[in-house]
Structure formats: C-alpha cells, structure tokens
Amino acid sequence: MGIFTTTLSQMAFLFSLILVGYLLAKYKIVPQNASVVLSKLENTLFIPCLVAGTFIQNFTVERISEAKELMLVSIVLCVVAIPVGILLSKLFGKDRYTRNIYTYGLVFSNFGFMGNAVVSAVFPEIFFEYILFTLPFWTAIYLWGVPVLLIADAGEKQTLLTRAKAFVNPMFIGMVIGMILGLSGLHIPVWVNSLVTSLGNCMSPIAMLLTGITVSFISLKKTFTNGYIYLASLLRLVALPLVFAALMRFIPMTETARICSLCFLSMPLGLNTIVVPGAYGRDTSVAAGMAIISHLLSCITIPLMFLFL
C-alpha cells in the first residue's frame, strides 16, 4: 500500500494545484493571457532547466550503457502505440479533425508535464531513465503528432525540413547542454547548479497551474455530458496500462523499463491538443474536455495502476 498512498498523496497535491489554477482564472484573479505567459515560461525556462540538471547529474557512460534496453522498449512501444491510436480513433465519429484529436490523445499521454511531475515525486531514482525513455515519443510528436494530426487540418502543411527544425527547441538545447556537461565532468559553480535546480523545481507546480487555467475556459456542462470523452479517458488511463501489464508477462524487461512504460501509459490525455489547434483558431472544446476529465480521473486511476501493476 506504500506506493498507493505515496502516489495518491502526490496526485492530491497536483490536483490541488490544478484547482488553484482553475479558480484563479475563473474568478479573473490572473489576467486572461496568464496561460500564454506560463506556457512560455514552462517551455523556454523551467522544463529545459529540469532536463539540463537531470542530464548533468546522470549522463555518464555507465548510465548510458545501462539504458540500451530501455530505449529499445520505448521505441517498440512508440511504434505499436501509433497504429493502435489510429485504430481506436475510429470509435469517435467520422469527422477527421475530431478523430485526429482523439488519435493524438490516445497515442501521446501527458507524459511531459504530468509525467515528469509524478515520476520526479514518486520514482525520483529513475527520473533520468524516464527522460531517456520519452525521447522516441518526443521525436514522434515533432515529426508526426503535431504537424500531421494537429496542424495539417488547420490549413498549414509542413515539410519534412520544417518538422526537423522543430527539434531545435529549448528542451532539446537544455538536454544537449546537460549531455555535454555530464559526459565531460566539468565543474559547475555552486550558484549555477542551484539556479538550474531551482528553476527546474518550478516545472511541476507551474505545469499544474497552467492545466487548471487552460481548462477554466471550457464549458463544464458540455464536457461532462460527452460520452466519447469518458471513453477516451478510460482507454488512456485504464485499458492501455492493463493491456501492457498483460503483455508484460510474456516480454522480459528490466524493472526500470516496466515502471517507465507504466508511467507513460497511465498518464492522462495531453494538453497539446488544446494549445496547438487553439493557436490556429480551431475548436478546442473536445480537447479541453478530454484534458479535464482525464486529469480528474487520473487522480484515482494512477495510484490504482501503480498499486496493482
């Protein structure tokens, strides 16, 4: 029960931050563009610092050699997840744009904001491995998820070169800097290390506040009466982790790979389905509904998945 209570406590903490963000936006205590500001801080400062600090401390030849099997499991899971998500999306109507939203949510969980927060709190000893584990999924997001599912139907076609340029982002830059400093063993001044660590620690609470602010702009009545949203949330939070657990009995893998896979599969539906189409003026009501319902349910399902699996 230790893992259940630890995870439940962490989920209660994270959900409280989501609720605070929701109330701050709902009662207009923060300005309307607060989500834009917080999103920029997350993506250009807090997440890069978190990733850089993690790699500085852990990116050694020994840790890399131990991660070969982990990366193989991640790549296989990514390759399997894409066709499964496309197939399951056929359950959610014929409209192509809506199906793309569901496809993205079923393939890519909120393994970034929520995943980083949960893993760093519940499994801090494998947080570095979890970052490595998610790299193939970030690659799939940049090359296929965002440009093909979320942008293409918004009227903007992206070339392969444009997709490749997406890799040159703050998180990737932070990772490269962390790799160089980690492998080289260069001495970093104490104040620089403290600065990077402090900024990285801001990632989780700000991410949860951002989630609450984002979902505050949707119609709760419309959201809570949409049966498709519940179906997608249950597939994401319960069905996919349980299927993986069943298959895991026949596929040998390390404990670290098993935990990283479970963490990825157990996370709620991501927020990119709101942020990216919203930037192109598309309807984000379904995506926002998926976010709020799945995040609410995840407060219970994530501790249960960790307890039973």
C-alpha atoms as a PDB file:
ATOM      1  CA  MET A   1       0.000   0.000   0.000  1.00  0.00           C
ATOM      2  CA  GLY A   2       3.019   2.266   0.347  1.00  0.00           C
ATOM      3  CA  ILE A   3       3.189   3.040  -3.378  1.00  0.00           C
ATOM      4  CA  PHE A   4      -0.575   3.677  -3.451  1.00  0.00           C
ATOM      5  CA  THR A   5      -0.578   6.167  -0.599  1.00  0.00           C
ATOM      6  CA  THR A   6       2.546   7.909  -1.895  1.00  0.00           C
ATOM      7  CA  THR A   7       1.109   8.259  -5.388  1.00  0.00           C
ATOM      8  CA  LEU A   8      -2.347   9.237  -4.105  1.00  0.00           C
ATOM      9  CA  SER A   9      -0.789  11.933  -1.936  1.00  0.00           C
ATOM     10  CA  GLN A  10       1.195  13.259  -4.886  1.00  0.00           C
ATOM     11  CA  MET A  11      -1.875  13.221  -7.151  1.00  0.00           C
ATOM     12  CA  ALA A  12      -3.879  15.089  -4.489  1.00  0.00           C
ATOM     13  CA  PHE A  13      -1.123  17.709  -4.367  1.00  0.00           C
ATOM     14  CA  LEU A  14      -1.026  18.060  -8.154  1.00  0.00           C
ATOM     15  CA  PHE A  15      -4.809  18.210  -8.458  1.00  0.00           C
ATOM     16  CA  SER A  16      -4.922  20.897  -5.776  1.00  0.00           C
ATOM     17  CA  LEU A  17      -2.607  22.986  -7.944  1.00  0.00           C
ATOM     18  CA  ILE A  18      -4.872  22.373 -10.952  1.00  0.00           C
ATOM     19  CA  LEU A  19      -7.841  23.524  -8.867  1.00  0.00           C
ATOM     20  CA  VAL A  20      -5.966  26.644  -7.752  1.00  0.00           C
ATOM     21  CA  GLY A  21      -5.149  27.489 -11.369  1.00  0.00           C
ATOM     22  CA  TYR A  22      -8.769  26.909 -12.369  1.00  0.00           C
ATOM     23  CA  LEU A  23     -10.106  29.207  -9.625  1.00  0.00           C
ATOM     24  CA  LEU A  24      -7.533  31.911 -10.333  1.00  0.00           C
ATOM     25  CA  ALA A  25      -8.626  32.044 -13.972  1.00  0.00           C
ATOM     26  CA  LYS A  26     -12.343  31.541 -13.331  1.00  0.00           C
ATOM     27  CA  TYR A  27     -12.527  34.467 -10.923  1.00  0.00           C
ATOM     28  CA  LYS A  28     -10.213  36.568 -13.124  1.00  0.00           C
ATOM     29  CA  ILE A  29      -7.574  36.916 -10.419  1.00  0.00           C
ATOM     30  CA  VAL A  30      -4.925  36.348 -13.091  1.00  0.00           C
ATOM     31  CA  PRO A  31      -5.013  38.109 -16.492  1.00  0.00           C
ATOM     32  CA  GLN A  32      -6.542  36.367 -19.493  1.00  0.00           C
ATOM     33  CA  ASN A  33      -3.137  35.819 -21.105  1.00  0.00           C
ATOM     34  CA  ALA A  34      -1.748  34.074 -17.996  1.00  0.00           C
ATOM     35  CA  SER A  35      -1.787  30.695 -19.762  1.00  0.00           C
ATOM     36  CA  VAL A  36       0.334  32.105 -22.599  1.00  0.00           C
ATOM     37  CA  VAL A  37       2.903  33.536 -20.168  1.00  0.00           C
ATOM     38  CA  LEU A  38       3.083  30.383 -18.049  1.00  0.00           C
ATOM     39  CA  SER A  39       3.324  28.187 -21.145  1.00  0.00           C
ATOM     40  CA  LYS A  40       6.280  30.209 -22.417  1.00  0.00           C
ATOM     41  CA  LEU A  41       7.981  30.017 -19.019  1.00  0.00           C
ATOM     42  CA  GLU A  42       7.450  26.256 -18.910  1.00  0.00           C
ATOM     43  CA  ASN A  43       8.751  25.566 -22.405  1.00  0.00           C
ATOM     44  CA  THR A  44      11.609  28.075 -22.548  1.00  0.00           C
ATOM     45  CA  LEU A  45      12.896  28.013 -18.961  1.00  0.00           C
ATOM     46  CA  PHE A  46      11.552  25.537 -16.409  1.00  0.00           C
ATOM     47  CA  ILE A  47      11.481  22.322 -18.477  1.00  0.00           C
ATOM     48  CA  PRO A  48      14.864  22.982 -20.157  1.00  0.00           C
ATOM     49  CA  CYS A  49      16.426  23.611 -16.731  1.00  0.00           C
ATOM     50  CA  LEU A  50      14.848  20.451 -15.308  1.00  0.00           C
ATOM     51  CA  VAL A  51      16.137  18.375 -18.235  1.00  0.00           C
ATOM     52  CA  ALA A  52      19.582  20.026 -18.212  1.00  0.00           C
ATOM     53  CA  GLY A  53      20.012  19.489 -14.469  1.00  0.00           C
ATOM     54  CA  THR A  54      18.948  15.852 -14.745  1.00  0.00           C
ATOM     55  CA  PHE A  55      21.419  15.127 -17.547  1.00  0.00           C
ATOM     56  CA  ILE A  56      24.262  16.997 -15.827  1.00  0.00           C
ATOM     57  CA  GLN A  57      23.892  14.742 -12.803  1.00  0.00           C
ATOM     58  CA  ASN A  58      23.192  11.442 -14.556  1.00  0.00           C
ATOM     59  CA  PHE A  59      24.510  11.439 -18.139  1.00  0.00           C
ATOM     60  CA  THR A  60      27.571   9.215 -17.728  1.00  0.00           C
ATOM     61  CA  VAL A  61      28.981   6.407 -19.872  1.00  0.00           C
ATOM     62  CA  GLU A  62      27.825   3.852 -17.309  1.00  0.00           C
ATOM     63  CA  ARG A  63      24.238   5.165 -17.178  1.00  0.00           C
ATOM     64  CA  ILE A  64      24.049   5.351 -20.990  1.00  0.00           C
ATOM     65  CA  SER A  65      25.186   1.753 -21.440  1.00  0.00           C
ATOM     66  CA  GLU A  66      22.522   0.627 -18.975  1.00  0.00           C
ATOM     67  CA  ALA A  67      19.803   2.451 -20.955  1.00  0.00           C
ATOM     68  CA  LYS A  68      20.082   0.464 -24.227  1.00  0.00           C
ATOM     69  CA  GLU A  69      17.267  -1.940 -23.387  1.00  0.00           C
ATOM     70  CA  LEU A  70      15.187   0.924 -22.007  1.00  0.00           C
ATOM     71  CA  MET A  71      15.387   2.789 -25.311  1.00  0.00           C
ATOM     72  CA  LEU A  72      14.523  -0.368 -27.258  1.00  0.00           C
ATOM     73  CA  VAL A  73      11.373  -0.884 -25.170  1.00  0.00           C
ATOM     74  CA  SER A  74      10.436   2.771 -25.690  1.00  0.00           C
ATOM     75  CA  ILE A  75      10.874   2.602 -29.470  1.00  0.00           C
ATOM     76  CA  VAL A  76       8.803  -0.591 -29.723  1.00  0.00           C
ATOM     77  CA  LEU A  77       6.060   0.913 -27.551  1.00  0.00           C
ATOM     78  CA  CYS A  78       6.014   4.043 -29.710  1.00  0.00           C
ATOM     79  CA  VAL A  79       5.794   2.041 -32.946  1.00  0.00           C
ATOM     80  CA  VAL A  80       2.899  -0.006 -31.538  1.00  0.00           C
ATOM     81  CA  ALA A  81       1.068   2.959 -29.985  1.00  0.00           C
ATOM     82  CA  ILE A  82       0.641   4.877 -33.259  1.00  0.00           C
ATOM     83  CA  PRO A  83      -1.399   2.274 -35.221  1.00  0.00           C
ATOM     84  CA  VAL A  84      -3.352   1.364 -32.059  1.00  0.00           C
ATOM     85  CA  GLY A  85      -4.280   5.025 -31.540  1.00  0.00           C
ATOM     86  CA  ILE A  86      -5.309   5.420 -35.186  1.00  0.00           C
ATOM     87  CA  LEU A  87      -7.455   2.285 -34.991  1.00  0.00           C
ATOM     88  CA  LEU A  88      -9.150   3.259 -31.719  1.00  0.00           C
ATOM     89  CA  SER A  89      -9.891   6.764 -33.002  1.00  0.00           C
ATOM     90  CA  LYS A  90     -12.384   5.241 -35.452  1.00  0.00           C
ATOM     91  CA  LEU A  91     -14.686   4.774 -32.443  1.00  0.00           C
ATOM     92  CA  PHE A  92     -15.092   8.537 -32.097  1.00  0.00           C
ATOM     93  CA  GLY A  93     -17.011   9.594 -35.198  1.00  0.00           C
ATOM     94  CA  LYS A  94     -16.246  10.365 -38.824  1.00  0.00           C
ATOM     95  CA  ASP A  95     -15.102  13.969 -38.590  1.00  0.00           C
ATOM     96  CA  ARG A  96     -11.397  13.916 -39.472  1.00  0.00           C
ATOM     97  CA  TYR A  97     -10.339  16.792 -37.236  1.00  0.00           C
ATOM     98  CA  THR A  98     -12.083  15.321 -34.166  1.00  0.00           C
ATOM     99  CA  ARG A  99     -10.630  11.884 -34.848  1.00  0.00           C
ATOM    100  CA  ASN A 100      -7.165  13.414 -35.128  1.00  0.00           C
ATOM    101  CA  ILE A 101      -7.618  14.952 -31.692  1.00  0.00           C
ATOM    102  CA  TYR A 102      -8.583  11.599 -30.220  1.00  0.00           C
ATOM    103  CA  THR A 103      -5.741   9.866 -32.081  1.00  0.00           C
ATOM    104  CA  TYR A 104      -3.193  12.252 -30.614  1.00  0.00           C
ATOM    105  CA  GLY A 105      -4.601  11.863 -27.103  1.00  0.00           C
ATOM    106  CA  LEU A 106      -4.601   8.065 -27.301  1.00  0.00           C
ATOM    107  CA  VAL A 107      -1.068   7.842 -28.703  1.00  0.00           C
ATOM    108  CA  PHE A 108       0.589  10.562 -26.621  1.00  0.00           C
ATOM    109  CA  SER A 109      -0.329  10.864 -22.962  1.00  0.00           C
ATOM    110  CA  ASN A 110       0.606  13.872 -20.836  1.00  0.00           C
ATOM    111  CA  PHE A 111       3.977  12.228 -20.243  1.00  0.00           C
ATOM    112  CA  GLY A 112       5.675  15.631 -20.201  1.00  0.00           C
ATOM    113  CA  PHE A 113       4.030  17.969 -17.693  1.00  0.00           C
ATOM    114  CA  MET A 114       2.147  15.381 -15.640  1.00  0.00           C
ATOM    115  CA  GLY A 115       4.569  12.505 -16.239  1.00  0.00           C
ATOM    116  CA  ASN A 116       7.619  14.495 -15.154  1.00  0.00           C
ATOM    117  CA  ALA A 117       5.793  15.700 -12.053  1.00  0.00           C
ATOM    118  CA  VAL A 118       4.639  12.225 -10.998  1.00  0.00           C
ATOM    119  CA  VAL A 119       7.877  10.377 -11.746  1.00  0.00           C
ATOM    120  CA  SER A 120      10.113  13.002 -10.118  1.00  0.00           C
ATOM    121  CA  ALA A 121       7.991  12.728  -6.950  1.00  0.00           C
ATOM    122  CA  VAL A 122       7.208   9.001  -6.765  1.00  0.00           C
ATOM    123  CA  PHE A 123      10.218   7.475  -8.576  1.00  0.00           C
ATOM    124  CA  PRO A 124      12.985  10.115  -8.307  1.00  0.00           C
ATOM    125  CA  GLU A 125      15.712   7.470  -8.581  1.00  0.00           C
ATOM    126  CA  ILE A 126      14.742   6.690 -12.201  1.00  0.00           C
ATOM    127  CA  PHE A 127      13.798  10.176 -13.384  1.00  0.00           C
ATOM    128  CA  PHE A 128      16.836  10.307 -15.695  1.00  0.00           C
ATOM    129  CA  GLU A 129      15.843   6.986 -17.254  1.00  0.00           C
ATOM    130  CA  TYR A 130      12.287   8.265 -17.696  1.00  0.00           C
ATOM    131  CA  ILE A 131      13.569  11.311 -19.615  1.00  0.00           C
ATOM    132  CA  LEU A 132      15.530   8.989 -21.921  1.00  0.00           C
ATOM    133  CA  PHE A 133      12.505   6.721 -22.259  1.00  0.00           C
ATOM    134  CA  THR A 134      10.314   9.560 -23.550  1.00  0.00           C
ATOM    135  CA  LEU A 135      12.749  10.714 -26.278  1.00  0.00           C
ATOM    136  CA  PRO A 136      11.274   8.477 -29.027  1.00  0.00           C
ATOM    137  CA  PHE A 137       7.816   9.841 -28.209  1.00  0.00           C
ATOM    138  CA  TRP A 138       9.042  13.441 -28.408  1.00  0.00           C
ATOM    139  CA  THR A 139      10.506  12.553 -31.804  1.00  0.00           C
ATOM    140  CA  ALA A 140       7.178  11.134 -32.962  1.00  0.00           C
ATOM    141  CA  ILE A 141       5.382  14.245 -31.693  1.00  0.00           C
ATOM    142  CA  TYR A 142       7.653  16.615 -33.630  1.00  0.00           C
ATOM    143  CA  LEU A 143       7.664  14.572 -36.850  1.00  0.00           C
ATOM    144  CA  TRP A 144       4.093  13.249 -36.909  1.00  0.00           C
ATOM    145  CA  GLY A 145       1.849  14.130 -33.956  1.00  0.00           C
ATOM    146  CA  VAL A 146       1.804  17.922 -34.091  1.00  0.00           C
ATOM    147  CA  PRO A 147       2.414  18.576 -37.827  1.00  0.00           C
ATOM    148  CA  VAL A 148       0.177  15.807 -39.199  1.00  0.00           C
ATOM    149  CA  LEU A 149      -2.589  15.457 -36.611  1.00  0.00           C
ATOM    150  CA  LEU A 150      -2.866  18.939 -35.090  1.00  0.00           C
ATOM    151  CA  ILE A 151      -1.559  21.392 -37.704  1.00  0.00           C
ATOM    152  CA  ALA A 152      -2.249  19.883 -41.132  1.00  0.00           C
ATOM    153  CA  ASP A 153      -6.017  20.062 -40.732  1.00  0.00           C
ATOM    154  CA  ALA A 154      -5.702  23.641 -39.531  1.00  0.00           C
ATOM    155  CA  GLY A 155      -4.659  24.644 -43.020  1.00  0.00           C
ATOM    156  CA  GLU A 156      -0.873  24.742 -42.711  1.00  0.00           C
ATOM    157  CA  LYS A 157       1.114  21.991 -44.422  1.00  0.00           C
ATOM    158  CA  GLN A 158       4.556  21.302 -43.006  1.00  0.00           C
ATOM    159  CA  THR A 159       7.535  19.970 -44.925  1.00  0.00           C
ATOM    160  CA  LEU A 160       9.979  17.439 -43.533  1.00  0.00           C
ATOM    161  CA  LEU A 161      12.543  20.243 -43.120  1.00  0.00           C
ATOM    162  CA  THR A 162      10.075  22.292 -41.088  1.00  0.00           C
ATOM    163  CA  ARG A 163       9.385  19.303 -38.878  1.00  0.00           C
ATOM    164  CA  ALA A 164      13.110  18.684 -38.401  1.00  0.00           C
ATOM    165  CA  LYS A 165      13.617  22.319 -37.342  1.00  0.00           C
ATOM    166  CA  ALA A 166      11.135  21.713 -34.531  1.00  0.00           C
ATOM    167  CA  PHE A 167      13.836  19.683 -32.785  1.00  0.00           C
ATOM    168  CA  VAL A 168      15.843  22.847 -32.183  1.00  0.00           C
ATOM    169  CA  ASN A 169      13.751  23.816 -29.194  1.00  0.00           C
ATOM    170  CA  PRO A 170      14.670  24.898 -25.646  1.00  0.00           C
ATOM    171  CA  MET A 171      14.139  21.423 -24.159  1.00  0.00           C
ATOM    172  CA  PHE A 172      16.412  19.814 -26.758  1.00  0.00           C
ATOM    173  CA  ILE A 173      19.046  22.523 -26.248  1.00  0.00           C
ATOM    174  CA  GLY A 174      18.886  22.016 -22.484  1.00  0.00           C
ATOM    175  CA  MET A 175      19.314  18.263 -22.973  1.00  0.00           C
ATOM    176  CA  VAL A 176      22.365  18.724 -25.239  1.00  0.00           C
ATOM    177  CA  ILE A 177      23.990  21.129 -22.754  1.00  0.00           C
ATOM    178  CA  GLY A 178      23.305  18.634 -19.964  1.00  0.00           C
ATOM    179  CA  MET A 179      24.783  15.789 -22.031  1.00  0.00           C
ATOM    180  CA  ILE A 180      27.979  17.729 -22.723  1.00  0.00           C
ATOM    181  CA  LEU A 181      28.463  18.794 -19.106  1.00  0.00           C
ATOM    182  CA  GLY A 182      27.530  15.346 -17.788  1.00  0.00           C
ATOM    183  CA  LEU A 183      29.942  13.436 -20.028  1.00  0.00           C
ATOM    184  CA  SER A 184      32.784  15.930 -19.673  1.00  0.00           C
ATOM    185  CA  GLY A 185      32.580  16.067 -15.911  1.00  0.00           C
ATOM    186  CA  LEU A 186      33.289  19.801 -15.984  1.00  0.00           C
ATOM    187  CA  HIS A 187      32.988  21.554 -12.649  1.00  0.00           C
ATOM    188  CA  ILE A 188      29.918  23.786 -12.420  1.00  0.00           C
ATOM    189  CA  PRO A 189      29.861  26.685  -9.947  1.00  0.00           C
ATOM    190  CA  VAL A 190      27.587  26.034  -6.985  1.00  0.00           C
ATOM    191  CA  TRP A 191      25.437  29.076  -7.733  1.00  0.00           C
ATOM    192  CA  VAL A 192      24.848  27.915 -11.324  1.00  0.00           C
ATOM    193  CA  ASN A 193      23.856  24.452 -10.147  1.00  0.00           C
ATOM    194  CA  SER A 194      21.485  25.975  -7.565  1.00  0.00           C
ATOM    195  CA  LEU A 195      19.972  28.254 -10.216  1.00  0.00           C
ATOM    196  CA  VAL A 196      19.314  25.381 -12.630  1.00  0.00           C
ATOM    197  CA  THR A 197      17.918  23.181  -9.855  1.00  0.00           C
ATOM    198  CA  SER A 198      15.614  25.898  -8.509  1.00  0.00           C
ATOM    199  CA  LEU A 199      14.226  26.745 -11.934  1.00  0.00           C
ATOM    200  CA  GLY A 200      13.735  23.056 -12.712  1.00  0.00           C
ATOM    201  CA  ASN A 201      11.803  22.601  -9.461  1.00  0.00           C
ATOM    202  CA  CYS A 202       9.269  25.168 -10.718  1.00  0.00           C
ATOM    203  CA  MET A 203       8.247  22.873 -13.585  1.00  0.00           C
ATOM    204  CA  SER A 204       5.681  20.698 -11.786  1.00  0.00           C
ATOM    205  CA  PRO A 205       3.668  23.327  -9.866  1.00  0.00           C
ATOM    206  CA  ILE A 206       3.579  25.738 -12.813  1.00  0.00           C
ATOM    207  CA  ALA A 207       2.522  22.928 -15.168  1.00  0.00           C
ATOM    208  CA  MET A 208      -0.412  22.065 -12.936  1.00  0.00           C
ATOM    209  CA  LEU A 209      -1.446  25.714 -12.541  1.00  0.00           C
ATOM    210  CA  LEU A 210      -1.295  26.022 -16.329  1.00  0.00           C
ATOM    211  CA  THR A 211      -3.537  22.964 -16.706  1.00  0.00           C
ATOM    212  CA  GLY A 212      -6.139  24.478 -14.390  1.00  0.00           C
ATOM    213  CA  ILE A 213      -6.058  27.842 -16.156  1.00  0.00           C
ATOM    214  CA  THR A 214      -6.372  26.164 -19.559  1.00  0.00           C
ATOM    215  CA  VAL A 215      -9.444  24.091 -18.678  1.00  0.00           C
ATOM    216  CA  SER A 216     -11.166  27.055 -16.989  1.00  0.00           C
ATOM    217  CA  PHE A 217     -12.199  28.411 -20.384  1.00  0.00           C
ATOM    218  CA  ILE A 218     -14.332  25.424 -21.425  1.00  0.00           C
ATOM    219  CA  SER A 219     -17.994  24.658 -20.843  1.00  0.00           C
ATOM    220  CA  LEU A 220     -18.168  22.166 -17.989  1.00  0.00           C
ATOM    221  CA  LYS A 221     -21.765  21.192 -18.821  1.00  0.00           C
ATOM    222  CA  LYS A 222     -20.839  20.305 -22.387  1.00  0.00           C
ATOM    223  CA  THR A 223     -17.749  18.468 -21.201  1.00  0.00           C
ATOM    224  CA  PHE A 224     -19.335  16.291 -18.533  1.00  0.00           C
ATOM    225  CA  THR A 225     -22.147  15.145 -20.853  1.00  0.00           C
ATOM    226  CA  ASN A 226     -19.893  13.965 -23.695  1.00  0.00           C
ATOM    227  CA  GLY A 227     -19.711  10.170 -23.507  1.00  0.00           C
ATOM    228  CA  TYR A 228     -16.856   9.949 -26.031  1.00  0.00           C
ATOM    229  CA  ILE A 229     -14.604  11.903 -23.676  1.00  0.00           C
ATOM    230  CA  TYR A 230     -15.164   9.375 -20.889  1.00  0.00           C
ATOM    231  CA  LEU A 231     -14.468   6.504 -23.287  1.00  0.00           C
ATOM    232  CA  ALA A 232     -11.206   8.063 -24.462  1.00  0.00           C
ATOM    233  CA  SER A 233     -10.165   8.796 -20.870  1.00  0.00           C
ATOM    234  CA  LEU A 234     -10.824   5.226 -19.737  1.00  0.00           C
ATOM    235  CA  LEU A 235      -8.940   3.827 -22.726  1.00  0.00           C
ATOM    236  CA  ARG A 236      -5.993   6.091 -21.948  1.00  0.00           C
ATOM    237  CA  LEU A 237      -5.962   5.644 -18.163  1.00  0.00           C
ATOM    238  CA  VAL A 238      -7.127   2.060 -17.624  1.00  0.00           C
ATOM    239  CA  ALA A 239      -7.368  -0.114 -20.740  1.00  0.00           C
ATOM    240  CA  LEU A 240      -3.949   0.628 -22.258  1.00  0.00           C
ATOM    241  CA  PRO A 241      -1.992   0.153 -18.981  1.00  0.00           C
ATOM    242  CA  LEU A 242      -3.842  -3.111 -18.296  1.00  0.00           C
ATOM    243  CA  VAL A 243      -3.155  -4.445 -21.793  1.00  0.00           C
ATOM    244  CA  PHE A 244       0.511  -3.584 -21.351  1.00  0.00           C
ATOM    245  CA  ALA A 245       0.541  -5.349 -17.981  1.00  0.00           C
ATOM    246  CA  ALA A 246      -0.902  -8.487 -19.594  1.00  0.00           C
ATOM    247  CA  LEU A 247       1.676  -8.448 -22.389  1.00  0.00           C
ATOM    248  CA  MET A 248       4.471  -7.742 -19.929  1.00  0.00           C
ATOM    249  CA  ARG A 249       4.101 -11.262 -18.567  1.00  0.00           C
ATOM    250  CA  PHE A 250       5.405 -12.629 -21.871  1.00  0.00           C
ATOM    251  CA  ILE A 251       8.033  -9.955 -22.635  1.00  0.00           C
ATOM    252  CA  PRO A 252      11.149  -9.908 -20.448  1.00  0.00           C
ATOM    253  CA  MET A 253      12.292  -6.398 -19.475  1.00  0.00           C
ATOM    254  CA  THR A 254      14.026  -4.625 -16.630  1.00  0.00           C
ATOM    255  CA  GLU A 255      12.121  -3.201 -13.690  1.00  0.00           C
ATOM    256  CA  THR A 256      13.082   0.319 -14.780  1.00  0.00           C
ATOM    257  CA  ALA A 257      11.687  -0.232 -18.287  1.00  0.00           C
ATOM    258  CA  ARG A 258       8.495  -1.645 -16.800  1.00  0.00           C
ATOM    259  CA  ILE A 259       7.977   1.331 -14.481  1.00  0.00           C
ATOM    260  CA  CYS A 260       8.765   3.896 -17.215  1.00  0.00           C
ATOM    261  CA  SER A 261       6.304   2.196 -19.581  1.00  0.00           C
ATOM    262  CA  LEU A 262       3.609   2.092 -16.940  1.00  0.00           C
ATOM    263  CA  CYS A 263       4.160   5.755 -16.056  1.00  0.00           C
ATOM    264  CA  PHE A 264       3.885   6.781 -19.688  1.00  0.00           C
ATOM    265  CA  LEU A 265       0.740   4.731 -20.336  1.00  0.00           C
ATOM    266  CA  SER A 266      -1.009   5.751 -17.106  1.00  0.00           C
ATOM    267  CA  MET A 267      -0.815   9.498 -17.617  1.00  0.00           C
ATOM    268  CA  PRO A 268      -3.923  11.493 -18.684  1.00  0.00           C
ATOM    269  CA  LEU A 269      -4.568  12.928 -22.132  1.00  0.00           C
ATOM    270  CA  GLY A 270      -2.119  15.674 -23.101  1.00  0.00           C
ATOM    271  CA  LEU A 271      -2.565  19.422 -23.475  1.00  0.00           C
ATOM    272  CA  ASN A 272      -1.081  19.886 -26.956  1.00  0.00           C
ATOM    273  CA  THR A 273      -4.499  19.106 -28.414  1.00  0.00           C
ATOM    274  CA  ILE A 274      -5.652  22.378 -26.838  1.00  0.00           C
ATOM    275  CA  VAL A 275      -2.629  24.602 -27.305  1.00  0.00           C
ATOM    276  CA  VAL A 276      -1.714  23.854 -30.941  1.00  0.00           C
ATOM    277  CA  PRO A 277      -5.164  23.891 -32.645  1.00  0.00           C
ATOM    278  CA  GLY A 278      -6.124  26.871 -30.485  1.00  0.00           C
ATOM    279  CA  ALA A 279      -3.262  28.840 -31.996  1.00  0.00           C
ATOM    280  CA  TYR A 280      -4.882  28.302 -35.417  1.00  0.00           C
ATOM    281  CA  GLY A 281      -8.366  29.294 -34.290  1.00  0.00           C
ATOM    282  CA  ARG A 282      -9.780  25.758 -34.284  1.00  0.00           C
ATOM    283  CA  ASP A 283     -12.464  24.458 -31.914  1.00  0.00           C
ATOM    284  CA  THR A 284     -10.754  23.065 -28.788  1.00  0.00           C
ATOM    285  CA  SER A 285     -13.840  22.196 -26.732  1.00  0.00           C
ATOM    286  CA  VAL A 286     -13.430  18.432 -27.214  1.00  0.00           C
ATOM    287  CA  ALA A 287      -9.697  18.569 -26.492  1.00  0.00           C
ATOM    288  CA  ALA A 288     -10.207  20.670 -23.364  1.00  0.00           C
ATOM    289  CA  GLY A 289     -12.918  18.268 -22.203  1.00  0.00           C
ATOM    290  CA  MET A 290     -10.547  15.344 -22.706  1.00  0.00           C
ATOM    291  CA  ALA A 291      -7.950  17.151 -20.620  1.00  0.00           C
ATOM    292  CA  ILE A 292     -10.161  17.990 -17.660  1.00  0.00           C
ATOM    293  CA  ILE A 293     -11.984  14.635 -17.470  1.00  0.00           C
ATOM    294  CA  SER A 294      -8.837  12.552 -17.854  1.00  0.00           C
ATOM    295  CA  HIS A 295      -6.910  14.650 -15.315  1.00  0.00           C
ATOM    296  CA  LEU A 296      -9.751  14.347 -12.807  1.00  0.00           C
ATOM    297  CA  LEU A 297      -9.972  10.578 -13.249  1.00  0.00           C
ATOM    298  CA  SER A 298      -6.193  10.183 -13.171  1.00  0.00           C
ATOM    299  CA  CYS A 299      -6.120  11.292  -9.538  1.00  0.00           C
ATOM    300  CA  ILE A 300      -7.590   7.871  -8.732  1.00  0.00           C
ATOM    301  CA  THR A 301      -6.520   5.703 -11.675  1.00  0.00           C
ATOM    302  CA  ILE A 302      -2.787   6.483 -11.483  1.00  0.00           C
ATOM    303  CA  PRO A 303      -2.429   5.389  -7.818  1.00  0.00           C
ATOM    304  CA  LEU A 304      -4.539   2.296  -8.568  1.00  0.00           C
ATOM    305  CA  MET A 305      -2.444   1.368 -11.621  1.00  0.00           C
ATOM    306  CA  PHE A 306       0.767   1.735  -9.624  1.00  0.00           C
ATOM    307  CA  LEU A 307      -0.707  -0.308  -6.775  1.00  0.00           C
ATOM    308  CA  PHE A 308      -1.965  -3.223  -8.858  1.00  0.00           C
ATOM    309  CA  LEU A 309       0.666  -3.325 -11.621  1.00  0.00           C
END
